[in-house]
Amino acid sequence: MNDWPEASSDDNRGGRYGRGSGSAQPESARVMRQVRRGRPAPPGQAPYGQVPQQPRYADGGYDDYDSGYNTGQVYGGGRGSGDGYGPERPAPDWRRRIKWTAITLVTVLVVTTVATYFWADSKLNRDVDLSKVIERPEKGEGTNYLIVGSDSREGLSDEDKKRLRTGSSEGKRTDSMMILHTGDNGPTLISLPRDSNVEIPTFKGSESGKIYQGTGREVKLNAAYAEDGPELLVRTVEFNTGLHIDHYVEIGFAGFANIVDAAGGVEIDIPQDIKDTKSGADFKKGKQTLNGEEALAFVRTRYALAGSDLDRTKNQQKFLSALANQVATPSTVLNPFRLYPTMGAGLDSLIVDKDMGLFDLADMFWSMKGVSGGEGTSMNMPLAGSAGGNLLWDKDKVKQLVQQLNNDEKVTVKGD
């Protein structure tokens, strides 16, 4: 007798599959309804709703069965070393990375350099036309720059004029003039005192184009600039020296002060106490850093100096060389926040000839730096005395000096 409660027949259980059966026949032997009907399963897979075929034992082992544990693929693949964490990652290609990093850096550098070149070139004020200069001497070896500091107040407000003690004179005159020769034997910087006695030769008017015949008239050198500007000044220097001027560079009061400030000041060793109410100079002897206002006062001072204009030209040479040396330091060249303002201040302030290029300007700049570094020579034009307040050049020494410059020889002539 069966002590179990009478169970319902299979035919009466309906959809209660899986809840057990009172039948003596095992469920596995009976035909079971499919739990899920649908499209046929893809080849090699169990039909939907049926249990996949289980592995068979053969000779005490598994027949054609791989659980995935041997290859580490149970949890998403291994690292190739049997650790069970996935496929092996290739080692980084450092050569390739270094190569593309280098290419990227070089590309950025080239693009920045080219952009900087065109930006700087566009800022040059090429206002001086040396083609208007007539009867020019033959060009010698090396390159000769005529560097002029003018007393132009252009760009200065009334407050600036008062602060910089420039006065309010209209127009502009030359406050300093120098010839810089560059070549294979080091740079030579020669100051031309503005009170130098010179002859005004026949010249072509820069504006009118009219020819003005020379009459042998003798004036101070700075009067040539005041009379007809840079072109007549170049003509007068060439006529009185026999030296061909290749390029002209001019800077005014405001531009000079702005360059010094943009460079963060210029360190210079002042050889003596200086106090000049006219220029505003008030310095103690010794090494110190001058800002734009102080630098302008220093290079303009002459009344407080024993040698007057001759001592002033020496101070101007010394300061310009120090300025070039200051700008060329890594703290300026490698710092874009200082380099670009300094370049901008300088290029905005310069007036150059139409043939002047950035490479010419760079040559002039590095040569000025070379003078302060002891690689070149600085001097005043050789003098033979004075007459009527004008300084007379020593014609024999000037002739020898010009010959050495034209031949790009080492300068042996001594100036004052």
Protein backbone atom coordinates (compact mmCIF):
# COMPACT_ATOMS: atom_id res chain seq x y z
CA MET A 1 0.00 0.00 0.00
CA ASN A 2 1.16 3.41 -0.88
CA ASP A 3 1.14 5.68 2.15
CA TRP A 4 1.64 8.82 0.04
CA PRO A 5 -1.41 10.87 -0.74
CA GLU A 6 -2.96 10.14 -4.03
CA ALA A 7 -1.44 12.37 -6.59
CA SER A 8 -3.06 13.83 -9.63
CA SER A 9 -2.29 12.26 -12.96
CA ASP A 10 0.05 13.88 -15.42
CA ASP A 11 -2.84 14.65 -17.63
CA ASN A 12 -4.42 16.77 -14.91
CA ARG A 13 -1.31 18.71 -13.89
CA GLY A 14 -1.50 21.06 -16.77
CA GLY A 15 1.41 23.44 -16.75
CA ARG A 16 2.71 22.48 -13.29
CA TYR A 17 5.89 20.96 -14.66
CA GLY A 18 8.68 20.70 -12.18
CA ARG A 19 6.53 20.26 -9.03
CA GLY A 20 7.12 16.55 -8.69
CA SER A 21 5.00 13.52 -9.57
CA GLY A 22 3.43 10.60 -7.77
CA SER A 23 3.94 8.33 -10.77
CA ALA A 24 6.23 5.36 -10.38
CA GLN A 25 7.77 6.17 -13.78
CA PRO A 26 10.66 8.57 -13.62
CA GLU A 27 10.06 11.94 -15.21
CA SER A 28 13.13 11.52 -17.37
CA ALA A 29 11.49 8.62 -19.10
CA ARG A 30 8.37 10.54 -19.94
CA VAL A 31 7.88 12.86 -22.84
CA MET A 32 8.16 16.38 -21.51
CA ARG A 33 6.55 19.38 -23.03
CA GLN A 34 8.92 22.06 -24.35
CA VAL A 35 9.00 25.02 -22.06
CA ARG A 36 9.65 27.47 -24.95
CA ARG A 37 8.77 27.27 -28.55
CA GLY A 38 10.41 29.33 -31.23
CA ARG A 39 12.67 29.22 -34.25
CA PRO A 40 15.13 26.31 -34.56
CA ALA A 41 18.46 26.71 -32.84
CA PRO A 42 21.53 27.45 -34.93
CA PRO A 43 23.61 24.44 -35.94
CA GLY A 44 25.79 23.13 -33.15
CA GLN A 45 23.60 24.56 -30.39
CA ALA A 46 20.90 22.98 -28.25
CA PRO A 47 17.30 23.71 -29.21
CA TYR A 48 15.61 26.45 -27.23
CA GLY A 49 14.21 25.15 -23.94
CA GLN A 50 16.35 22.01 -23.85
CA VAL A 51 19.38 21.26 -21.72
CA PRO A 52 22.65 21.40 -23.71
CA GLN A 53 24.36 18.09 -24.30
CA GLN A 54 26.65 17.24 -21.37
CA PRO A 55 30.20 15.96 -21.72
CA ARG A 56 30.80 12.20 -21.75
CA TYR A 57 33.38 10.35 -19.71
CA ALA A 58 35.85 8.31 -21.68
CA ASP A 59 38.40 6.11 -20.01
CA GLY A 60 38.16 7.98 -16.74
CA GLY A 61 38.54 11.44 -18.32
CA TYR A 62 36.58 14.04 -20.20
CA ASP A 63 35.90 13.39 -23.86
CA ASP A 64 36.14 16.49 -26.10
CA TYR A 65 35.51 18.82 -23.21
CA ASP A 66 37.28 22.03 -22.26
CA SER A 67 35.85 23.99 -19.37
CA GLY A 68 37.82 27.09 -20.28
CA TYR A 69 39.87 27.01 -17.12
CA ASN A 70 42.91 25.72 -19.00
CA THR A 71 43.10 28.83 -21.15
CA GLY A 72 41.87 31.36 -18.60
CA GLN A 73 38.79 32.27 -20.68
CA VAL A 74 36.13 31.72 -18.04
CA TYR A 75 36.26 35.33 -16.85
CA GLY A 76 36.89 37.07 -20.09
CA GLY A 77 40.23 35.76 -21.31
CA GLY A 78 43.73 35.60 -19.91
CA ARG A 79 46.92 37.59 -20.32
CA GLY A 80 48.65 34.87 -22.20
CA SER A 81 50.59 33.59 -19.20
CA GLY A 82 47.88 31.39 -17.68
CA ASP A 83 46.91 33.87 -14.97
CA GLY A 84 43.30 34.00 -16.06
CA TYR A 85 43.02 37.79 -16.61
CA GLY A 86 42.61 38.19 -20.35
CA PRO A 87 44.69 38.33 -23.57
CA GLU A 88 48.29 39.51 -23.48
CA ARG A 89 48.81 43.27 -23.98
CA PRO A 90 51.60 44.24 -26.40
CA ALA A 91 54.56 46.08 -24.86
CA PRO A 92 54.58 49.89 -25.49
CA ASP A 93 56.46 50.91 -28.64
CA TRP A 94 58.66 53.58 -27.07
CA ARG A 95 60.56 54.27 -30.29
CA ARG A 96 57.33 55.12 -32.02
CA ARG A 97 56.17 57.32 -29.17
CA ILE A 98 59.47 59.19 -29.00
CA LYS A 99 59.45 59.63 -32.77
CA TRP A 100 55.99 61.20 -32.88
CA THR A 101 56.68 63.33 -29.81
CA ALA A 102 59.80 64.69 -31.51
CA ILE A 103 57.91 65.34 -34.76
CA THR A 104 55.19 67.19 -32.84
CA LEU A 105 57.70 69.36 -30.96
CA VAL A 106 59.64 70.20 -34.13
CA THR A 107 56.41 71.08 -35.94
CA VAL A 108 55.30 73.40 -33.12
CA LEU A 109 58.75 75.01 -33.03
CA VAL A 110 58.81 75.59 -36.80
CA VAL A 111 55.29 77.03 -36.87
CA THR A 112 56.05 79.32 -33.90
CA THR A 113 59.31 80.49 -35.46
CA VAL A 114 57.73 81.25 -38.84
CA ALA A 115 54.79 83.06 -37.22
CA THR A 116 57.15 85.09 -35.03
CA TYR A 117 59.27 86.04 -38.05
CA PHE A 118 56.33 87.39 -40.05
CA TRP A 119 54.91 89.14 -36.98
CA ALA A 120 58.24 90.84 -36.25
CA ASP A 121 58.89 91.70 -39.90
CA SER A 122 55.50 93.38 -40.19
CA LYS A 123 56.29 95.68 -37.25
CA LEU A 124 59.44 97.24 -38.76
CA ASN A 125 58.95 100.87 -39.80
CA ARG A 126 60.84 101.01 -43.10
CA ASP A 127 60.51 104.74 -43.69
CA VAL A 128 64.02 105.69 -44.85
CA ASP A 129 64.84 105.42 -48.56
CA LEU A 130 68.59 105.25 -49.08
CA SER A 131 68.08 105.15 -52.85
CA LYS A 132 67.59 108.92 -52.60
CA VAL A 133 71.20 109.32 -51.44
CA ILE A 134 73.38 110.36 -54.39
CA GLU A 135 77.09 110.05 -55.25
CA ARG A 136 77.70 107.26 -52.80
CA PRO A 137 81.15 105.76 -52.09
CA GLU A 138 81.84 102.17 -53.12
CA LYS A 139 80.78 99.47 -50.74
CA GLY A 140 83.59 97.80 -48.80
CA GLU A 141 83.85 94.51 -46.92
CA GLY A 142 81.51 93.87 -44.01
CA THR A 143 78.38 95.85 -43.12
CA ASN A 144 78.07 99.40 -41.80
CA TYR A 145 75.06 100.56 -39.77
CA LEU A 146 74.37 104.20 -38.94
CA ILE A 147 72.59 104.11 -35.57
CA VAL A 148 70.82 107.32 -34.57
CA GLY A 149 69.16 108.30 -31.32
CA SER A 150 66.74 111.15 -31.98
CA ASP A 151 65.12 113.51 -29.51
CA SER A 152 61.72 112.89 -31.04
CA ARG A 153 58.89 113.34 -28.53
CA GLU A 154 56.42 111.47 -30.74
CA GLY A 155 54.18 109.24 -28.65
CA LEU A 156 54.91 111.08 -25.41
CA SER A 157 52.12 112.71 -23.43
CA ASP A 158 52.67 115.99 -21.59
CA GLU A 159 53.03 113.98 -18.40
CA ASP A 160 55.64 111.71 -20.05
CA LYS A 161 57.61 114.72 -21.29
CA LYS A 162 57.67 116.15 -17.79
CA ARG A 163 58.58 112.84 -16.17
CA LEU A 164 61.36 112.10 -18.71
CA ARG A 165 62.52 115.74 -18.81
CA THR A 166 62.57 115.80 -22.59
CA GLY A 167 61.18 119.29 -23.07
CA SER A 168 58.53 120.05 -25.67
CA SER A 169 60.53 121.10 -28.73
CA GLU A 170 58.77 120.47 -32.02
CA GLY A 171 60.30 118.28 -34.71
CA LYS A 172 63.28 116.08 -33.96
CA ARG A 173 67.04 116.27 -33.93
CA THR A 174 69.80 113.75 -33.49
CA ASP A 175 70.82 113.22 -29.90
CA SER A 176 73.48 110.60 -30.70
CA MET A 177 75.04 109.04 -33.81
CA MET A 178 77.16 105.91 -34.13
CA ILE A 179 78.61 103.78 -36.90
CA LEU A 180 78.63 100.04 -36.20
CA HIS A 181 80.85 97.97 -38.48
CA THR A 182 80.39 94.18 -38.50
CA GLY A 183 82.74 91.75 -40.20
CA ASP A 184 85.19 88.91 -39.75
CA ASN A 185 87.47 90.78 -37.34
CA GLY A 186 84.91 91.62 -34.69
CA PRO A 187 82.52 94.56 -34.45
CA THR A 188 83.67 98.18 -34.22
CA LEU A 189 81.43 100.85 -32.69
CA ILE A 190 82.36 104.46 -33.49
CA SER A 191 80.56 107.43 -31.97
CA LEU A 192 80.17 110.56 -34.07
CA PRO A 193 79.91 113.58 -31.73
CA ARG A 194 76.93 115.65 -32.76
CA ASP A 195 79.09 118.79 -32.58
CA SER A 196 81.48 117.39 -35.22
CA ASN A 197 82.39 119.93 -37.91
CA VAL A 198 81.28 118.62 -41.33
CA GLU A 199 80.59 119.91 -44.82
CA ILE A 200 77.12 119.71 -46.32
CA PRO A 201 77.60 118.26 -49.83
CA THR A 202 75.36 118.38 -52.90
CA PHE A 203 72.26 116.32 -52.10
CA LYS A 204 68.84 115.33 -53.35
CA GLY A 205 65.88 116.53 -51.28
CA SER A 206 64.14 113.60 -49.60
CA GLU A 207 60.69 115.07 -50.19
CA SER A 208 61.05 117.38 -53.18
CA GLY A 209 63.54 115.33 -55.18
CA LYS A 210 65.30 118.59 -56.02
CA ILE A 211 69.09 118.69 -56.24
CA TYR A 212 70.71 121.16 -53.83
CA GLN A 213 74.23 122.08 -54.84
CA GLY A 214 76.91 122.00 -52.22
CA THR A 215 78.56 125.33 -51.41
CA GLY A 216 81.23 124.19 -49.00
CA ARG A 217 79.02 125.16 -46.10
CA GLU A 218 80.26 123.74 -42.78
CA VAL A 219 77.90 122.95 -39.91
CA LYS A 220 77.61 120.69 -36.89
CA LEU A 221 76.78 117.13 -37.85
CA ASN A 222 73.37 117.10 -36.16
CA ALA A 223 72.32 120.07 -38.34
CA ALA A 224 72.30 117.80 -41.41
CA TYR A 225 69.55 115.68 -39.86
CA ALA A 226 67.57 118.75 -38.82
CA GLU A 227 67.81 120.15 -42.35
CA ASP A 228 66.54 117.22 -44.42
CA GLY A 229 66.27 114.12 -42.25
CA PRO A 230 67.95 110.71 -42.40
CA GLU A 231 68.78 110.75 -46.11
CA LEU A 232 70.84 113.95 -45.85
CA LEU A 233 72.50 112.69 -42.66
CA VAL A 234 73.63 109.52 -44.46
CA ARG A 235 74.80 111.56 -47.42
CA THR A 236 76.80 113.89 -45.14
CA VAL A 237 78.43 111.04 -43.19
CA GLU A 238 79.41 109.23 -46.40
CA PHE A 239 80.78 112.40 -47.99
CA ASN A 240 82.90 113.36 -44.98
CA THR A 241 84.21 109.86 -44.24
CA GLY A 242 84.25 108.01 -47.57
CA LEU A 243 82.53 105.07 -45.81
CA HIS A 244 79.50 103.42 -47.44
CA ILE A 245 76.51 103.15 -45.08
CA ASP A 246 74.54 99.95 -45.69
CA HIS A 247 71.69 100.39 -43.21
CA TYR A 248 70.07 103.10 -41.13
CA VAL A 249 68.47 102.56 -37.69
CA GLU A 250 66.81 105.27 -35.57
CA ILE A 251 65.08 105.26 -32.18
CA GLY A 252 63.39 108.07 -30.25
CA PHE A 253 63.14 108.92 -26.55
CA ALA A 254 59.89 107.03 -25.90
CA GLY A 255 61.01 103.92 -27.73
CA PHE A 256 64.29 103.78 -25.88
CA ALA A 257 62.62 103.96 -22.46
CA ASN A 258 60.00 101.37 -23.45
CA ILE A 259 62.63 98.85 -24.58
CA VAL A 260 64.52 99.14 -21.29
CA ASP A 261 61.34 98.68 -19.25
CA ALA A 262 60.22 95.71 -21.36
CA ALA A 263 63.60 94.07 -20.80
CA GLY A 264 63.12 94.40 -17.05
CA GLY A 265 65.78 97.09 -16.67
CA VAL A 266 69.47 97.08 -17.52
CA GLU A 267 72.32 96.52 -15.11
CA ILE A 268 75.28 98.84 -15.59
CA ASP A 269 78.32 99.92 -13.61
CA ILE A 270 78.32 103.74 -13.34
CA PRO A 271 81.93 104.95 -12.94
CA GLN A 272 81.16 108.11 -10.93
CA ASP A 273 78.44 110.00 -9.08
CA ILE A 274 76.24 111.87 -11.58
CA LYS A 275 73.73 114.60 -10.88
CA ASP A 276 72.28 116.58 -13.78
CA THR A 277 69.12 118.64 -13.34
CA LYS A 278 68.61 119.03 -17.09
CA SER A 279 68.50 115.32 -17.89
CA GLY A 280 67.19 114.28 -14.48
CA ALA A 281 70.19 112.02 -13.80
CA ASP A 282 70.91 111.38 -10.11
CA PHE A 283 73.14 108.33 -9.69
CA LYS A 284 75.69 107.10 -7.22
CA LYS A 285 78.87 105.39 -8.36
CA GLY A 286 78.64 101.61 -8.67
CA LYS A 287 76.70 98.75 -10.26
CA GLN A 288 72.92 99.21 -10.43
CA THR A 289 69.87 98.37 -12.55
CA LEU A 290 68.27 101.29 -14.42
CA ASN A 291 64.66 101.41 -15.56
CA GLY A 292 63.57 103.21 -18.73
CA GLU A 293 63.33 106.66 -17.20
CA GLU A 294 66.68 106.36 -15.45
CA ALA A 295 68.38 104.90 -18.54
CA LEU A 296 67.21 107.82 -20.69
CA ALA A 297 68.57 110.30 -18.15
CA PHE A 298 71.89 108.46 -18.08
CA VAL A 299 72.51 108.42 -21.85
CA ARG A 300 71.45 112.08 -22.24
CA THR A 301 73.66 113.48 -19.48
CA ARG A 302 76.57 115.62 -20.63
CA TYR A 303 76.67 118.80 -18.51
CA ALA A 304 77.65 116.85 -15.39
CA LEU A 305 80.55 115.14 -17.20
CA ALA A 306 84.06 116.54 -17.48
CA GLY A 307 84.35 115.58 -21.15
CA SER A 308 80.83 116.82 -21.95
CA ASP A 309 79.63 115.29 -25.23
CA LEU A 310 82.68 113.01 -25.60
CA ASP A 311 82.04 111.42 -22.22
CA ARG A 312 78.36 111.17 -23.04
CA THR A 313 79.06 109.20 -26.22
CA LYS A 314 81.13 106.75 -24.19
CA ASN A 315 78.25 106.30 -21.75
CA GLN A 316 75.88 105.75 -24.67
CA GLN A 317 78.11 103.06 -26.14
CA LYS A 318 78.43 101.39 -22.78
CA PHE A 319 74.71 101.40 -22.12
CA LEU A 320 73.66 100.17 -25.58
CA SER A 321 76.09 97.28 -25.31
CA ALA A 322 74.76 96.45 -21.84
CA LEU A 323 71.19 96.59 -23.16
CA ALA A 324 72.02 94.17 -25.97
CA ASN A 325 73.72 91.86 -23.50
CA GLN A 326 70.74 92.01 -21.13
CA VAL A 327 68.20 91.16 -23.83
CA ALA A 328 70.32 88.21 -25.01
CA THR A 329 70.18 86.44 -21.65
CA PRO A 330 68.24 83.12 -21.35
CA SER A 331 65.85 84.78 -18.88
CA THR A 332 64.64 86.98 -21.75
CA VAL A 333 65.10 84.81 -24.86
CA LEU A 334 63.50 81.70 -23.31
CA ASN A 335 60.71 83.58 -21.56
CA PRO A 336 57.94 84.46 -24.07
CA PHE A 337 56.30 86.76 -21.50
CA ARG A 338 59.45 88.90 -21.60
CA LEU A 339 60.76 88.21 -25.10
CA TYR A 340 57.67 89.27 -27.06
CA PRO A 341 57.04 92.51 -25.13
CA THR A 342 60.73 93.42 -25.55
CA MET A 343 60.67 92.64 -29.27
CA GLY A 344 57.38 94.48 -29.67
CA ALA A 345 58.64 97.57 -27.85
CA GLY A 346 61.84 97.61 -29.88
CA LEU A 347 60.33 96.96 -33.30
CA ASP A 348 57.54 99.50 -32.76
CA SER A 349 60.12 102.13 -31.83
CA LEU A 350 62.66 101.63 -34.61
CA ILE A 351 62.78 103.48 -37.91
CA VAL A 352 64.92 101.70 -40.48
CA ASP A 353 65.74 101.84 -44.19
CA LYS A 354 63.61 100.05 -46.75
CA ASP A 355 66.18 97.30 -47.35
CA MET A 356 66.61 96.47 -43.66
CA GLY A 357 65.59 92.92 -42.79
CA LEU A 358 65.26 91.02 -39.54
CA PHE A 359 68.53 89.19 -40.19
CA ASP A 360 70.29 92.55 -40.59
CA LEU A 361 68.73 93.71 -37.34
CA ALA A 362 69.84 90.51 -35.61
CA ASP A 363 73.38 90.99 -36.95
CA MET A 364 73.44 94.52 -35.55
CA PHE A 365 72.06 93.37 -32.22
CA TRP A 366 74.54 90.53 -31.71
CA SER A 367 77.41 92.75 -32.79
CA MET A 368 76.43 95.31 -30.16
CA LYS A 369 76.44 92.49 -27.62
CA GLY A 370 79.88 91.46 -28.86
CA VAL A 371 81.25 94.93 -28.15
CA SER A 372 80.27 94.66 -24.49
CA GLY A 373 81.68 91.13 -24.36
CA GLY A 374 85.14 92.29 -25.35
CA GLU A 375 84.97 90.79 -28.84
CA GLY A 376 85.07 94.18 -30.55
CA THR A 377 86.20 97.79 -30.28
CA SER A 378 84.39 100.95 -29.18
CA MET A 379 85.76 104.43 -29.77
CA ASN A 380 85.01 108.04 -30.66
CA MET A 381 85.85 109.46 -34.04
CA PRO A 382 89.53 110.64 -33.89
CA LEU A 383 89.66 114.37 -33.23
CA ALA A 384 92.25 117.07 -33.91
CA GLY A 385 90.82 119.85 -31.77
CA SER A 386 87.96 122.31 -32.10
CA ALA A 387 87.08 125.56 -33.86
CA GLY A 388 84.18 127.85 -33.05
CA GLY A 389 82.61 125.25 -30.76
CA ASN A 390 82.78 122.58 -33.45
CA LEU A 391 84.90 119.44 -33.03
CA LEU A 392 87.42 118.87 -35.84
CA TRP A 393 88.15 115.35 -37.03
CA ASP A 394 91.72 114.15 -37.46
CA LYS A 395 91.64 113.66 -41.23
CA ASP A 396 94.67 111.36 -41.42
CA LYS A 397 93.38 109.06 -38.70
CA VAL A 398 89.88 109.10 -40.14
CA LYS A 399 91.27 108.10 -43.53
CA GLN A 400 93.23 105.22 -41.99
CA LEU A 401 90.21 104.11 -39.95
CA VAL A 402 87.93 104.08 -42.99
CA GLN A 403 90.51 102.12 -44.98
CA GLN A 404 90.69 99.45 -42.27
CA LEU A 405 86.90 99.24 -42.10
CA ASN A 406 86.51 99.00 -45.88
CA ASN A 407 89.03 96.16 -45.96
CA ASP A 408 87.43 94.57 -42.89
CA GLU A 409 90.79 94.65 -41.10
CA LYS A 410 91.42 94.76 -37.39
CA VAL A 411 91.03 98.39 -36.30
CA THR A 412 94.23 99.80 -34.83
CA VAL A 413 93.35 103.48 -34.96
CA LYS A 414 92.64 105.02 -31.57
CA GLY A 415 89.85 107.50 -31.00
CA ASP A 416 89.18 110.04 -28.26
